[in-house]
N, C-alpha and C. Protein backbone atom coordinates (compact mmCIF):
# COMPACT_ATOMS: atom_id res chain seq x y z
N MET A 1 65.52 171.36 55.32
CA MET A 1 64.82 172.63 55.36
C MET A 1 63.46 172.46 56.05
N MET A 2 63.17 173.30 57.00
CA MET A 2 61.93 173.22 57.72
C MET A 2 60.84 174.00 57.01
N ASN A 3 59.60 173.50 57.06
CA ASN A 3 58.50 174.30 56.55
C ASN A 3 57.99 175.23 57.67
N THR A 4 57.07 176.06 57.35
CA THR A 4 56.58 177.05 58.30
C THR A 4 56.03 176.44 59.57
N GLY A 5 55.27 175.36 59.45
CA GLY A 5 54.70 174.69 60.61
C GLY A 5 55.77 174.14 61.53
N GLU A 6 56.82 173.56 60.98
CA GLU A 6 57.92 173.02 61.76
C GLU A 6 58.67 174.15 62.44
N LYS A 7 58.82 175.28 61.80
CA LYS A 7 59.48 176.40 62.40
C LYS A 7 58.68 176.95 63.61
N ILE A 8 57.40 176.97 63.47
CA ILE A 8 56.51 177.44 64.58
C ILE A 8 56.64 176.46 65.75
N ASP A 9 56.63 175.16 65.45
CA ASP A 9 56.80 174.12 66.48
C ASP A 9 58.15 174.27 67.19
N TYR A 10 59.18 174.56 66.42
CA TYR A 10 60.50 174.79 67.00
C TYR A 10 60.50 175.97 67.96
N MET A 11 59.84 177.04 67.55
CA MET A 11 59.75 178.24 68.41
C MET A 11 59.03 177.93 69.71
N ILE A 12 57.95 177.14 69.61
CA ILE A 12 57.21 176.77 70.78
C ILE A 12 58.05 175.95 71.72
N GLN A 13 58.78 174.98 71.21
CA GLN A 13 59.66 174.17 72.07
C GLN A 13 60.76 175.00 72.72
N CYS A 14 61.31 175.97 71.98
CA CYS A 14 62.32 176.86 72.58
C CYS A 14 61.74 177.66 73.70
N LEU A 15 60.50 178.15 73.53
CA LEU A 15 59.86 178.90 74.60
C LEU A 15 59.56 178.03 75.80
N LYS A 16 59.20 176.77 75.60
CA LYS A 16 58.95 175.88 76.71
C LYS A 16 60.22 175.60 77.52
N VAL A 17 61.37 175.44 76.81
CA VAL A 17 62.63 175.24 77.50
C VAL A 17 63.00 176.48 78.28
N ALA A 18 62.87 177.67 77.68
CA ALA A 18 63.20 178.92 78.34
C ALA A 18 62.32 179.12 79.59
N LYS A 19 61.02 178.82 79.45
CA LYS A 19 60.13 179.02 80.59
C LYS A 19 60.45 178.03 81.72
N ALA A 20 60.72 176.77 81.39
CA ALA A 20 61.02 175.77 82.41
C ALA A 20 62.30 176.17 83.18
N GLU A 21 63.30 176.64 82.47
CA GLU A 21 64.56 177.02 83.12
C GLU A 21 64.36 178.30 83.97
N TYR A 22 63.55 179.22 83.49
CA TYR A 22 63.23 180.42 84.29
C TYR A 22 62.51 180.02 85.56
N GLU A 23 61.52 179.18 85.48
CA GLU A 23 60.78 178.74 86.65
C GLU A 23 61.71 178.00 87.64
N TYR A 24 62.63 177.20 87.10
CA TYR A 24 63.58 176.53 87.97
C TYR A 24 64.45 177.56 88.73
N SER A 25 64.90 178.59 87.99
CA SER A 25 65.78 179.58 88.64
C SER A 25 65.04 180.38 89.71
N VAL A 26 63.77 180.66 89.51
CA VAL A 26 62.97 181.33 90.52
C VAL A 26 62.84 180.43 91.77
N ASP A 27 62.55 179.17 91.55
CA ASP A 27 62.43 178.24 92.65
C ASP A 27 63.77 178.05 93.38
N TYR A 28 64.85 177.98 92.60
CA TYR A 28 66.17 177.82 93.16
C TYR A 28 66.52 178.97 94.09
N LEU A 29 66.26 180.20 93.64
CA LEU A 29 66.58 181.35 94.45
C LEU A 29 65.68 181.51 95.68
N ALA A 30 64.42 181.06 95.53
CA ALA A 30 63.49 181.16 96.65
C ALA A 30 63.84 180.19 97.77
N ASN A 31 64.45 179.05 97.42
CA ASN A 31 64.71 178.02 98.44
C ASN A 31 66.17 177.93 98.91
N GLU A 32 67.06 178.79 98.40
CA GLU A 32 68.44 178.71 98.85
C GLU A 32 68.56 179.14 100.33
N PRO A 33 69.53 178.55 101.03
CA PRO A 33 69.71 178.92 102.44
C PRO A 33 70.05 180.37 102.65
N ASP A 34 69.74 180.88 103.82
CA ASP A 34 69.99 182.26 104.15
C ASP A 34 71.37 182.41 104.81
N GLY A 35 72.12 183.37 104.33
CA GLY A 35 73.39 183.78 104.95
C GLY A 35 74.52 182.78 104.83
N PRO A 36 75.76 183.28 104.91
CA PRO A 36 76.93 182.43 104.82
C PRO A 36 77.21 181.58 106.06
N GLU A 37 76.55 181.90 107.16
CA GLU A 37 76.84 181.19 108.41
C GLU A 37 76.27 179.75 108.35
N GLU A 38 75.37 179.49 107.44
CA GLU A 38 74.78 178.13 107.33
C GLU A 38 75.58 177.32 106.31
N TYR A 39 76.86 177.11 106.61
CA TYR A 39 77.80 176.49 105.67
C TYR A 39 77.36 175.09 105.27
N GLU A 40 76.98 174.27 106.27
CA GLU A 40 76.57 172.87 105.98
C GLU A 40 75.27 172.83 105.12
N SER A 41 74.36 173.71 105.43
CA SER A 41 73.10 173.68 104.61
C SER A 41 73.36 174.15 103.18
N TRP A 42 74.34 175.03 102.98
CA TRP A 42 74.66 175.48 101.63
C TRP A 42 75.23 174.28 100.85
N TRP A 43 76.14 173.53 101.43
CA TRP A 43 76.71 172.42 100.71
C TRP A 43 75.64 171.36 100.41
N ALA A 44 74.79 171.10 101.36
CA ALA A 44 73.73 170.13 101.13
C ALA A 44 72.80 170.59 100.03
N TYR A 45 72.49 171.89 100.02
CA TYR A 45 71.63 172.44 98.98
C TYR A 45 72.28 172.36 97.61
N LEU A 46 73.54 172.68 97.52
CA LEU A 46 74.27 172.66 96.24
C LEU A 46 74.46 171.21 95.70
N ARG A 47 74.53 170.26 96.60
CA ARG A 47 74.66 168.87 96.17
C ARG A 47 73.36 168.37 95.57
N ARG A 48 72.23 168.88 96.06
CA ARG A 48 70.89 168.40 95.60
C ARG A 48 70.42 169.19 94.39
N HIS A 49 70.90 170.39 94.15
CA HIS A 49 70.36 171.26 93.08
C HIS A 49 71.48 171.70 92.15
N ARG A 50 71.15 171.79 90.89
CA ARG A 50 72.08 172.32 89.91
C ARG A 50 71.92 173.84 89.84
N GLN A 51 72.91 174.52 89.32
CA GLN A 51 72.83 175.98 89.13
C GLN A 51 71.87 176.28 87.99
N PRO A 52 71.06 177.30 88.11
CA PRO A 52 70.22 177.72 86.95
C PRO A 52 71.10 178.19 85.78
N ASN A 53 70.68 177.89 84.57
CA ASN A 53 71.44 178.20 83.40
C ASN A 53 70.79 179.42 82.66
N LYS A 54 71.27 180.60 82.96
CA LYS A 54 70.71 181.78 82.34
C LYS A 54 70.96 181.86 80.87
N SER A 55 72.10 181.34 80.40
CA SER A 55 72.40 181.40 78.97
C SER A 55 71.44 180.49 78.20
N LEU A 56 70.94 179.45 78.79
CA LEU A 56 69.94 178.59 78.17
C LEU A 56 68.67 179.37 77.87
N ILE A 57 68.28 180.21 78.85
CA ILE A 57 67.08 181.04 78.66
C ILE A 57 67.34 182.06 77.56
N ARG A 58 68.46 182.76 77.61
CA ARG A 58 68.80 183.79 76.62
C ARG A 58 68.89 183.23 75.20
N ASP A 59 69.58 182.11 75.09
CA ASP A 59 69.80 181.53 73.73
C ASP A 59 68.50 181.03 73.13
N ASN A 60 67.63 180.46 73.93
CA ASN A 60 66.34 179.99 73.40
C ASN A 60 65.47 181.16 73.01
N LEU A 61 65.47 182.25 73.77
CA LEU A 61 64.72 183.41 73.39
C LEU A 61 65.27 184.07 72.10
N ARG A 62 66.57 184.07 71.95
CA ARG A 62 67.17 184.58 70.72
C ARG A 62 66.80 183.72 69.51
N ASN A 63 66.79 182.39 69.71
CA ASN A 63 66.35 181.49 68.62
C ASN A 63 64.92 181.79 68.19
N VAL A 64 64.08 182.01 69.16
CA VAL A 64 62.70 182.32 68.85
C VAL A 64 62.58 183.62 68.07
N ALA A 65 63.36 184.63 68.47
CA ALA A 65 63.31 185.92 67.79
C ALA A 65 63.81 185.76 66.34
N ARG A 66 64.92 185.07 66.17
CA ARG A 66 65.45 184.88 64.82
C ARG A 66 64.47 184.16 63.91
N MET A 67 63.93 183.05 64.44
CA MET A 67 63.00 182.24 63.66
C MET A 67 61.70 182.98 63.44
N GLY A 68 61.29 183.81 64.40
CA GLY A 68 60.08 184.57 64.22
C GLY A 68 60.17 185.57 63.08
N PHE A 69 61.32 186.21 62.91
CA PHE A 69 61.50 187.11 61.77
C PHE A 69 61.44 186.34 60.46
N GLN A 70 62.08 185.16 60.42
CA GLN A 70 62.04 184.36 59.17
C GLN A 70 60.63 183.97 58.83
N VAL A 71 59.86 183.45 59.82
CA VAL A 71 58.49 183.00 59.56
C VAL A 71 57.63 184.18 59.16
N ALA A 72 57.80 185.30 59.82
CA ALA A 72 57.00 186.49 59.49
C ALA A 72 57.23 186.91 58.04
N ASN A 73 58.43 186.81 57.55
CA ASN A 73 58.72 187.18 56.14
C ASN A 73 58.22 186.10 55.16
N GLU A 74 58.06 184.88 55.61
CA GLU A 74 57.60 183.80 54.73
C GLU A 74 56.10 183.81 54.56
N VAL A 75 55.38 184.28 55.55
CA VAL A 75 53.90 184.27 55.52
C VAL A 75 53.45 185.33 54.51
N LYS A 76 52.53 184.90 53.66
CA LYS A 76 52.04 185.83 52.63
C LYS A 76 50.57 186.13 52.78
């Protein structure tokens, strides 16, 4: 069982993961090759970069929301 401080630390770590993945996805989209005619550059780009994980962002934000309600109810 986590105490209130540990729950807050958990929420902070979840937010850090969500933010890092969001920043990666913005960078990924900004640097991807233009148009389908650049077939070779697409393959080279996909070999060097992983796909952004949107569910990682959503799940971490949901964890923060759930834990936030619990902590809010615990604080007196």
